[in-house]
PDB file of N, CA and C in Angstrom:
ATOM      1  N   MET A   1      30.486  71.818  65.843  1.00  0.00           N
ATOM      2  CA  MET A   1      31.311  71.683  67.030  1.00  0.00           C
ATOM      3  C   MET A   1      32.491  70.753  66.732  1.00  0.00           C
ATOM      4  N   THR A   2      33.657  71.165  67.122  1.00  0.00           N
ATOM      5  CA  THR A   2      34.856  70.368  66.917  1.00  0.00           C
ATOM      6  C   THR A   2      34.906  69.236  67.937  1.00  0.00           C
ATOM      7  N   THR A   3      35.202  68.035  67.447  1.00  0.00           N
ATOM      8  CA  THR A   3      35.297  66.872  68.324  1.00  0.00           C
ATOM      9  C   THR A   3      36.771  66.517  68.553  1.00  0.00           C
ATOM     10  N   LYS A   4      37.000  65.621  69.502  1.00  0.00           N
ATOM     11  CA  LYS A   4      38.362  65.139  69.735  1.00  0.00           C
ATOM     12  C   LYS A   4      38.899  64.458  68.479  1.00  0.00           C
ATOM     13  N   ALA A   5      38.034  63.737  67.772  1.00  0.00           N
ATOM     14  CA  ALA A   5      38.446  63.068  66.527  1.00  0.00           C
ATOM     15  C   ALA A   5      38.894  64.103  65.493  1.00  0.00           C
ATOM     16  N   ASP A   6      38.189  65.236  65.408  1.00  0.00           N
ATOM     17  CA  ASP A   6      38.572  66.308  64.483  1.00  0.00           C
ATOM     18  C   ASP A   6      39.963  66.835  64.819  1.00  0.00           C
ATOM     19  N   ILE A   7      40.213  67.020  66.105  1.00  0.00           N
ATOM     20  CA  ILE A   7      41.502  67.566  66.538  1.00  0.00           C
ATOM     21  C   ILE A   7      42.629  66.572  66.234  1.00  0.00           C
ATOM     22  N   VAL A   8      42.376  65.289  66.492  1.00  0.00           N
ATOM     23  CA  VAL A   8      43.375  64.257  66.164  1.00  0.00           C
ATOM     24  C   VAL A   8      43.664  64.280  64.665  1.00  0.00           C
ATOM     25  N   ARG A   9      42.617  64.386  63.832  1.00  0.00           N
ATOM     26  CA  ARG A   9      42.808  64.454  62.372  1.00  0.00           C
ATOM     27  C   ARG A   9      43.596  65.699  61.993  1.00  0.00           C
ATOM     28  N   ASN A  10      43.313  66.825  62.647  1.00  0.00           N
ATOM     29  CA  ASN A  10      44.040  68.063  62.344  1.00  0.00           C
ATOM     30  C   ASN A  10      45.521  67.941  62.691  1.00  0.00           C
ATOM     31  N   ILE A  11      45.822  67.347  63.841  1.00  0.00           N
ATOM     32  CA  ILE A  11      47.226  67.163  64.249  1.00  0.00           C
ATOM     33  C   ILE A  11      47.936  66.301  63.205  1.00  0.00           C
ATOM     34  N   ALA A  12      47.302  65.201  62.816  1.00  0.00           N
ATOM     35  CA  ALA A  12      47.893  64.311  61.819  1.00  0.00           C
ATOM     36  C   ALA A  12      48.104  65.040  60.498  1.00  0.00           C
ATOM     37  N   SER A  13      47.137  65.850  60.107  1.00  0.00           N
ATOM     38  CA  SER A  13      47.226  66.601  58.853  1.00  0.00           C
ATOM     39  C   SER A  13      48.399  67.581  58.881  1.00  0.00           C
ATOM     40  N   ILE A  14      48.570  68.279  59.976  1.00  0.00           N
ATOM     41  CA  ILE A  14      49.679  69.231  60.119  1.00  0.00           C
ATOM     42  C   ILE A  14      51.016  68.507  59.950  1.00  0.00           C
ATOM     43  N   LEU A  15      51.074  67.283  60.466  1.00  0.00           N
ATOM     44  CA  LEU A  15      52.307  66.492  60.400  1.00  0.00           C
ATOM     45  C   LEU A  15      52.435  65.718  59.086  1.00  0.00           C
ATOM     46  N   GLY A  16      51.387  65.740  58.260  1.00  0.00           N
ATOM     47  CA  GLY A  16      51.435  65.053  56.976  1.00  0.00           C
ATOM     48  C   GLY A  16      51.352  63.540  57.076  1.00  0.00           C
ATOM     49  N   VAL A  17      50.617  63.071  58.088  1.00  0.00           N
ATOM     50  CA  VAL A  17      50.456  61.625  58.271  1.00  0.00           C
ATOM     51  C   VAL A  17      48.973  61.278  58.335  1.00  0.00           C
ATOM     52  N   GLU A  18      48.687  59.995  58.186  1.00  0.00           N
ATOM     53  CA  GLU A  18      47.309  59.528  58.319  1.00  0.00           C
ATOM     54  C   GLU A  18      46.922  59.522  59.793  1.00  0.00           C
ATOM     55  N   ALA A  19      45.710  59.955  60.072  1.00  0.00           N
ATOM     56  CA  ALA A  19      45.236  59.989  61.464  1.00  0.00           C
ATOM     57  C   ALA A  19      45.002  58.580  61.974  1.00  0.00           C
ATOM     58  N   PRO A  20      45.443  58.316  63.205  1.00  0.00           N
ATOM     59  CA  PRO A  20      45.159  57.000  63.787  1.00  0.00           C
ATOM     60  C   PRO A  20      43.672  56.864  64.094  1.00  0.00           C
ATOM     61  N   LYS A  21      43.208  55.648  64.161  1.00  0.00           N
ATOM     62  CA  LYS A  21      41.798  55.385  64.478  1.00  0.00           C
ATOM     63  C   LYS A  21      41.511  55.759  65.923  1.00  0.00           C
ATOM     64  N   MET A  22      40.344  56.335  66.138  1.00  0.00           N
ATOM     65  CA  MET A  22      39.924  56.692  67.488  1.00  0.00           C
ATOM     66  C   MET A  22      39.504  55.428  68.224  1.00  0.00           C
ATOM     67  N   SER A  23      39.736  55.427  69.527  1.00  0.00           N
ATOM     68  CA  SER A  23      39.314  54.308  70.370  1.00  0.00           C
ATOM     69  C   SER A  23      37.829  54.420  70.657  1.00  0.00           C
ATOM     70  N   THR A  24      37.310  53.498  71.443  1.00  0.00           N
ATOM     71  CA  THR A  24      35.887  53.525  71.778  1.00  0.00           C
ATOM     72  C   THR A  24      35.515  54.837  72.449  1.00  0.00           C
ATOM     73  N   GLY A  25      34.306  55.271  72.226  1.00  0.00           N
ATOM     74  CA  GLY A  25      33.863  56.543  72.792  1.00  0.00           C
ATOM     75  C   GLY A  25      34.650  57.671  72.147  1.00  0.00           C
ATOM     76  N   SER A  26      35.117  58.595  72.957  1.00  0.00           N
ATOM     77  CA  SER A  26      35.903  59.696  72.414  1.00  0.00           C
ATOM     78  C   SER A  26      37.316  59.668  72.987  1.00  0.00           C
ATOM     79  N   THR A  27      37.810  58.469  73.247  1.00  0.00           N
ATOM     80  CA  THR A  27      39.150  58.340  73.802  1.00  0.00           C
ATOM     81  C   THR A  27      40.174  58.499  72.698  1.00  0.00           C
ATOM     82  N   GLU A  28      41.075  59.449  72.899  1.00  0.00           N
ATOM     83  CA  GLU A  28      42.104  59.707  71.901  1.00  0.00           C
ATOM     84  C   GLU A  28      43.105  58.557  71.872  1.00  0.00           C
ATOM     85  N   PRO A  29      43.595  58.202  70.684  1.00  0.00           N
ATOM     86  CA  PRO A  29      44.557  57.110  70.598  1.00  0.00           C
ATOM     87  C   PRO A  29      45.948  57.546  71.063  1.00  0.00           C
ATOM     88  N   ARG A  30      46.600  56.706  71.803  1.00  0.00           N
ATOM     89  CA  ARG A  30      47.962  56.961  72.262  1.00  0.00           C
ATOM     90  C   ARG A  30      48.879  57.236  71.072  1.00  0.00           C
ATOM     91  N   GLU A  31      48.566  56.586  69.968  1.00  0.00           N
ATOM     92  CA  GLU A  31      49.398  56.682  68.769  1.00  0.00           C
ATOM     93  C   GLU A  31      49.592  58.127  68.297  1.00  0.00           C
ATOM     94  N   ILE A  32      48.608  58.997  68.489  1.00  0.00           N
ATOM     95  CA  ILE A  32      48.774  60.378  68.011  1.00  0.00           C
ATOM     96  C   ILE A  32      49.921  61.064  68.751  1.00  0.00           C
ATOM     97  N   PHE A  33      50.084  60.781  70.037  1.00  0.00           N
ATOM     98  CA  PHE A  33      51.176  61.392  70.795  1.00  0.00           C
ATOM     99  C   PHE A  33      52.515  60.791  70.391  1.00  0.00           C
ATOM    100  N   GLU A  34      52.504  59.496  70.082  1.00  0.00           N
ATOM    101  CA  GLU A  34      53.727  58.833  69.620  1.00  0.00           C
ATOM    102  C   GLU A  34      54.150  59.375  68.261  1.00  0.00           C
ATOM    103  N   ILE A  35      53.177  59.642  67.386  1.00  0.00           N
ATOM    104  CA  ILE A  35      53.468  60.214  66.068  1.00  0.00           C
ATOM    105  C   ILE A  35      54.072  61.602  66.224  1.00  0.00           C
ATOM    106  N   VAL A  36      53.468  62.427  67.084  1.00  0.00           N
ATOM    107  CA  VAL A  36      53.996  63.783  67.319  1.00  0.00           C
ATOM    108  C   VAL A  36      55.432  63.695  67.830  1.00  0.00           C
ATOM    109  N   ASN A  37      55.662  62.841  68.806  1.00  0.00           N
ATOM    110  CA  ASN A  37      56.986  62.661  69.391  1.00  0.00           C
ATOM    111  C   ASN A  37      57.998  62.269  68.312  1.00  0.00           C
ATOM    112  N   GLU A  38      57.621  61.304  67.494  1.00  0.00           N
ATOM    113  CA  GLU A  38      58.518  60.793  66.457  1.00  0.00           C
ATOM    114  C   GLU A  38      58.771  61.841  65.368  1.00  0.00           C
ATOM    115  N   ARG A  39      57.705  62.438  64.846  1.00  0.00           N
ATOM    116  CA  ARG A  39      57.820  63.390  63.740  1.00  0.00           C
ATOM    117  C   ARG A  39      58.584  64.656  64.129  1.00  0.00           C
ATOM    118  N   LEU A  40      58.411  65.078  65.377  1.00  0.00           N
ATOM    119  CA  LEU A  40      59.078  66.304  65.825  1.00  0.00           C
ATOM    120  C   LEU A  40      60.426  66.022  66.483  1.00  0.00           C
ATOM    121  N   GLY A  41      60.761  64.741  66.644  1.00  0.00           N
ATOM    122  CA  GLY A  41      62.048  64.375  67.231  1.00  0.00           C
ATOM    123  C   GLY A  41      62.213  64.853  68.658  1.00  0.00           C
ATOM    124  N   LEU A  42      61.150  64.745  69.447  1.00  0.00           N
ATOM    125  CA  LEU A  42      61.189  65.260  70.819  1.00  0.00           C
ATOM    126  C   LEU A  42      61.917  64.328  71.787  1.00  0.00           C
ATOM    127  N   GLY A  43      62.036  63.056  71.434  1.00  0.00           N
ATOM    128  CA  GLY A  43      62.758  62.112  72.284  1.00  0.00           C
ATOM    129  C   GLY A  43      62.071  61.783  73.600  1.00  0.00           C
ATOM    130  N   LEU A  44      60.748  61.845  73.614  1.00  0.00           N
ATOM    131  CA  LEU A  44      60.012  61.526  74.844  1.00  0.00           C
ATOM    132  C   LEU A  44      60.008  60.029  75.091  1.00  0.00           C
ATOM    133  N   ASP A  45      59.973  59.651  76.349  1.00  0.00           N
ATOM    134  CA  ASP A  45      59.932  58.248  76.755  1.00  0.00           C
ATOM    135  C   ASP A  45      58.580  57.655  76.361  1.00  0.00           C
ATOM    136  N   ARG A  46      58.595  56.613  75.548  1.00  0.00           N
ATOM    137  CA  ARG A  46      57.349  56.001  75.062  1.00  0.00           C
ATOM    138  C   ARG A  46      56.561  55.329  76.175  1.00  0.00           C
ATOM    139  N   ARG A  47      57.159  55.152  77.331  1.00  0.00           N
ATOM    140  CA  ARG A  47      56.457  54.512  78.453  1.00  0.00           C
ATOM    141  C   ARG A  47      55.599  55.507  79.242  1.00  0.00           C
ATOM    142  N   LEU A  48      55.696  56.789  78.918  1.00  0.00           N
ATOM    143  CA  LEU A  48      54.893  57.798  79.620  1.00  0.00           C
ATOM    144  C   LEU A  48      53.403  57.526  79.406  1.00  0.00           C
ATOM    145  N   THR A  49      52.589  57.970  80.349  1.00  0.00           N
ATOM    146  CA  THR A  49      51.133  57.892  80.159  1.00  0.00           C
ATOM    147  C   THR A  49      50.741  58.887  79.065  1.00  0.00           C
ATOM    148  N   LYS A  50      49.543  58.728  78.524  1.00  0.00           N
ATOM    149  CA  LYS A  50      49.081  59.668  77.498  1.00  0.00           C
ATOM    150  C   LYS A  50      49.087  61.107  78.012  1.00  0.00           C
ATOM    151  N   PRO A  51      48.528  61.374  79.206  1.00  0.00           N
ATOM    152  CA  PRO A  51      48.557  62.762  79.678  1.00  0.00           C
ATOM    153  C   PRO A  51      49.979  63.294  79.880  1.00  0.00           C
ATOM    154  N   ASP A  52      50.895  62.455  80.367  1.00  0.00           N
ATOM    155  CA  ASP A  52      52.273  62.918  80.568  1.00  0.00           C
ATOM    156  C   ASP A  52      52.969  63.193  79.238  1.00  0.00           C
ATOM    157  N   MET A  53      52.705  62.347  78.259  1.00  0.00           N
ATOM    158  CA  MET A  53      53.295  62.559  76.938  1.00  0.00           C
ATOM    159  C   MET A  53      52.753  63.856  76.327  1.00  0.00           C
ATOM    160  N   ALA A  54      51.432  64.043  76.429  1.00  0.00           N
ATOM    161  CA  ALA A  54      50.808  65.259  75.892  1.00  0.00           C
ATOM    162  C   ALA A  54      51.365  66.494  76.606  1.00  0.00           C
ATOM    163  N   ARG A  55      51.485  66.410  77.937  1.00  0.00           N
ATOM    164  CA  ARG A  55      52.017  67.547  78.708  1.00  0.00           C
ATOM    165  C   ARG A  55      53.432  67.887  78.251  1.00  0.00           C
ATOM    166  N   GLN A  56      54.275  66.890  78.050  1.00  0.00           N
ATOM    167  CA  GLN A  56      55.648  67.161  77.647  1.00  0.00           C
ATOM    168  C   GLN A  56      55.720  67.751  76.242  1.00  0.00           C
ATOM    169  N   ILE A  57      54.815  67.341  75.353  1.00  0.00           N
ATOM    170  CA  ILE A  57      54.752  67.937  74.008  1.00  0.00           C
ATOM    171  C   ILE A  57      54.398  69.414  74.127  1.00  0.00           C
ATOM    172  N   VAL A  58      53.374  69.706  74.914  1.00  0.00           N
ATOM    173  CA  VAL A  58      52.911  71.093  75.084  1.00  0.00           C
ATOM    174  C   VAL A  58      54.007  71.953  75.721  1.00  0.00           C
ATOM    175  N   GLU A  59      54.609  71.441  76.778  1.00  0.00           N
ATOM    176  CA  GLU A  59      55.643  72.208  77.478  1.00  0.00           C
ATOM    177  C   GLU A  59      56.905  72.378  76.637  1.00  0.00           C
ATOM    178  N   ALA A  60      57.202  71.420  75.760  1.00  0.00           N
ATOM    179  CA  ALA A  60      58.371  71.542  74.877  1.00  0.00           C
ATOM    180  C   ALA A  60      58.212  72.727  73.925  1.00  0.00           C
ATOM    181  N   ALA A  61      56.957  73.096  73.636  1.00  0.00           N
ATOM    182  CA  ALA A  61      56.682  74.237  72.763  1.00  0.00           C
ATOM    183  C   ALA A  61      56.628  75.544  73.548  1.00  0.00           C
ATOM    184  N   GLY A  62      56.880  75.464  74.858  1.00  0.00           N
ATOM    185  CA  GLY A  62      56.851  76.660  75.687  1.00  0.00           C
ATOM    186  C   GLY A  62      55.448  77.065  76.105  1.00  0.00           C
ATOM    187  N   LEU A  63      54.489  76.153  75.933  1.00  0.00           N
ATOM    188  CA  LEU A  63      53.109  76.430  76.313  1.00  0.00           C
ATOM    189  C   LEU A  63      52.827  75.840  77.688  1.00  0.00           C
ATOM    190  N   THR A  64      51.689  76.206  78.254  1.00  0.00           N
ATOM    191  CA  THR A  64      51.347  75.773  79.609  1.00  0.00           C
ATOM    192  C   THR A  64      50.343  74.632  79.598  1.00  0.00           C
ATOM    193  N   TRP A  65      50.595  73.654  80.436  1.00  0.00           N
ATOM    194  CA  TRP A  65      49.694  72.511  80.637  1.00  0.00           C
ATOM    195  C   TRP A  65      49.027  72.694  81.990  1.00  0.00           C
ATOM    196  N   ASN A  66      47.724  72.477  82.075  1.00  0.00           N
ATOM    197  CA  ASN A  66      47.066  72.608  83.376  1.00  0.00           C
ATOM    198  C   ASN A  66      46.069  71.478  83.616  1.00  0.00           C
ATOM    199  N   ALA A  67      45.453  71.487  84.767  1.00  0.00           N
ATOM    200  CA  ALA A  67      44.563  70.401  85.187  1.00  0.00           C
ATOM    201  C   ALA A  67      43.383  70.193  84.241  1.00  0.00           C
ATOM    202  N   HIS A  68      42.970  71.211  83.510  1.00  0.00           N
ATOM    203  CA  HIS A  68      41.846  71.081  82.578  1.00  0.00           C
ATOM    204  C   HIS A  68      42.215  70.270  81.332  1.00  0.00           C
ATOM    205  N   HIS A  69      43.496  70.007  81.156  1.00  0.00           N
ATOM    206  CA  HIS A  69      43.959  69.312  79.966  1.00  0.00           C
ATOM    207  C   HIS A  69      43.927  67.794  80.077  1.00  0.00           C
ATOM    208  N   GLU A  70      43.677  67.288  81.278  1.00  0.00           N
ATOM    209  CA  GLU A  70      43.601  65.834  81.435  1.00  0.00           C
ATOM    210  C   GLU A  70      42.467  65.477  82.380  1.00  0.00           C
ATOM    211  N   SER A  71      42.012  64.227  82.263  1.00  0.00           N
ATOM    212  CA  SER A  71      40.920  63.793  83.133  1.00  0.00           C
ATOM    213  C   SER A  71      41.286  62.472  83.790  1.00  0.00           C
ATOM    214  N   ASN A  72      40.491  62.096  84.775  1.00  0.00           N
ATOM    215  CA  ASN A  72      40.717  60.817  85.458  1.00  0.00           C
ATOM    216  C   ASN A  72      40.652  59.684  84.442  1.00  0.00           C
ATOM    217  N   GLY A  73      41.395  58.656  84.696  1.00  0.00           N
ATOM    218  CA  GLY A  73      41.377  57.510  83.796  1.00  0.00           C
ATOM    219  C   GLY A  73      42.454  57.564  82.739  1.00  0.00           C
ATOM    220  N   GLY A  74      43.358  58.514  82.859  1.00  0.00           N
ATOM    221  CA  GLY A  74      44.491  58.561  81.943  1.00  0.00           C
ATOM    222  C   GLY A  74      44.171  59.047  80.549  1.00  0.00           C
ATOM    223  N   THR A  75      43.186  59.944  80.435  1.00  0.00           N
ATOM    224  CA  THR A  75      42.873  60.495  79.119  1.00  0.00           C
ATOM    225  C   THR A  75      43.172  61.983  79.076  1.00  0.00           C
ATOM    226  N   VAL A  76      43.299  62.474  77.861  1.00  0.00           N
ATOM    227  CA  VAL A  76      43.540  63.890  77.614  1.00  0.00           C
ATOM    228  C   VAL A  76      42.204  64.492  77.191  1.00  0.00           C
ATOM    229  N   THR A  77      41.860  65.634  77.740  1.00  0.00           N
ATOM    230  CA  THR A  77      40.591  66.278  77.398  1.00  0.00           C
ATOM    231  C   THR A  77      40.681  66.937  76.026  1.00  0.00           C
ATOM    232  N   LYS A  78      39.536  67.386  75.545  1.00  0.00           N
ATOM    233  CA  LYS A  78      39.501  68.110  74.271  1.00  0.00           C
ATOM    234  C   LYS A  78      40.396  69.345  74.343  1.00  0.00           C
ATOM    235  N   VAL A  79      40.346  70.057  75.455  1.00  0.00           N
ATOM    236  CA  VAL A  79      41.177  71.252  75.637  1.00  0.00           C
ATOM    237  C   VAL A  79      42.667  70.865  75.613  1.00  0.00           C
ATOM    238  N   GLY A  80      42.976  69.706  76.202  1.00  0.00           N
ATOM    239  CA  GLY A  80      44.348  69.220  76.186  1.00  0.00           C
ATOM    240  C   GLY A  80      44.813  68.881  74.780  1.00  0.00           C
ATOM    241  N   LEU A  81      43.942  68.247  73.997  1.00  0.00           N
ATOM    242  CA  LEU A  81      44.286  67.936  72.610  1.00  0.00           C
ATOM    243  C   LEU A  81      44.488  69.209  71.800  1.00  0.00           C
ATOM    244  N   GLU A  82      43.667  70.222  72.074  1.00  0.00           N
ATOM    245  CA  GLU A  82      43.842  71.506  71.391  1.00  0.00           C
ATOM    246  C   GLU A  82      45.197  72.116  71.739  1.00  0.00           C
ATOM    247  N   ALA A  83      45.633  71.953  72.983  1.00  0.00           N
ATOM    248  CA  ALA A  83      46.943  72.454  73.397  1.00  0.00           C
ATOM    249  C   ALA A  83      48.049  71.705  72.655  1.00  0.00           C
ATOM    250  N   VAL A  84      47.886  70.390  72.480  1.00  0.00           N
ATOM    251  CA  VAL A  84      48.867  69.608  71.716  1.00  0.00           C
ATOM    252  C   VAL A  84      48.898  70.100  70.271  1.00  0.00           C
ATOM    253  N   MET A  85      47.726  70.374  69.707  1.00  0.00           N
ATOM    254  CA  MET A  85      47.672  70.875  68.324  1.00  0.00           C
ATOM    255  C   MET A  85      48.400  72.212  68.200  1.00  0.00           C
ATOM    256  N   ARG A  86      48.202  73.100  69.170  1.00  0.00           N
ATOM    257  CA  ARG A  86      48.918  74.391  69.138  1.00  0.00           C
ATOM    258  C   ARG A  86      50.438  74.171  69.240  1.00  0.00           C
ATOM    259  N   ALA A  87      50.853  73.209  70.043  1.00  0.00           N
ATOM    260  CA  ALA A  87      52.272  72.899  70.172  1.00  0.00           C
ATOM    261  C   ALA A  87      52.827  72.402  68.836  1.00  0.00           C
ATOM    262  N   VAL A  88      52.094  71.518  68.191  1.00  0.00           N
ATOM    263  CA  VAL A  88      52.524  71.001  66.889  1.00  0.00           C
ATOM    264  C   VAL A  88      52.624  72.145  65.884  1.00  0.00           C
ATOM    265  N   GLU A  89      51.623  73.018  65.867  1.00  0.00           N
ATOM    266  CA  GLU A  89      51.653  74.181  64.968  1.00  0.00           C
ATOM    267  C   GLU A  89      52.881  75.050  65.263  1.00  0.00           C
ATOM    268  N   HIS A  90      53.222  75.190  66.521  1.00  0.00           N
ATOM    269  CA  HIS A  90      54.404  75.968  66.930  1.00  0.00           C
ATOM    270  C   HIS A  90      55.672  75.372  66.308  1.00  0.00           C
ATOM    271  N   PHE A  91      55.811  74.061  66.397  1.00  0.00           N
ATOM    272  CA  PHE A  91      57.019  73.408  65.885  1.00  0.00           C
ATOM    273  C   PHE A  91      57.061  73.378  64.360  1.00  0.00           C
ATOM    274  N   VAL A  92      55.915  73.164  63.723  1.00  0.00           N
ATOM    275  CA  VAL A  92      55.869  73.022  62.277  1.00  0.00           C
ATOM    276  C   VAL A  92      55.783  74.386  61.588  1.00  0.00           C
ATOM    277  N   GLY A  93      55.059  75.311  62.268  1.00  0.00           N
ATOM    278  CA  GLY A  93      54.742  76.614  61.718  1.00  0.00           C
ATOM    279  C   GLY A  93      55.880  77.416  61.255  1.00  0.00           C
TER     280      GLY A  93
END
């Protein structure tokens, strides 16, 4: 089964960077969204919340972001991280 940590590592690998360390539990690190923003030159506001940053990455690739992609507490779900990975693949691919 693919974990959030696996998806974060995959995103980092696609971008050719070292994966940031995962936070406690299965909370994705904010740094992965900042790396995507920086590497792809998206120009997103670094003050955005993690879900807002992830949503803007996904939407910049022309993909759809929905309620299943984020959860209460300002985190991105596994499905949301997969959407970010598809967006990164779109830009790099």
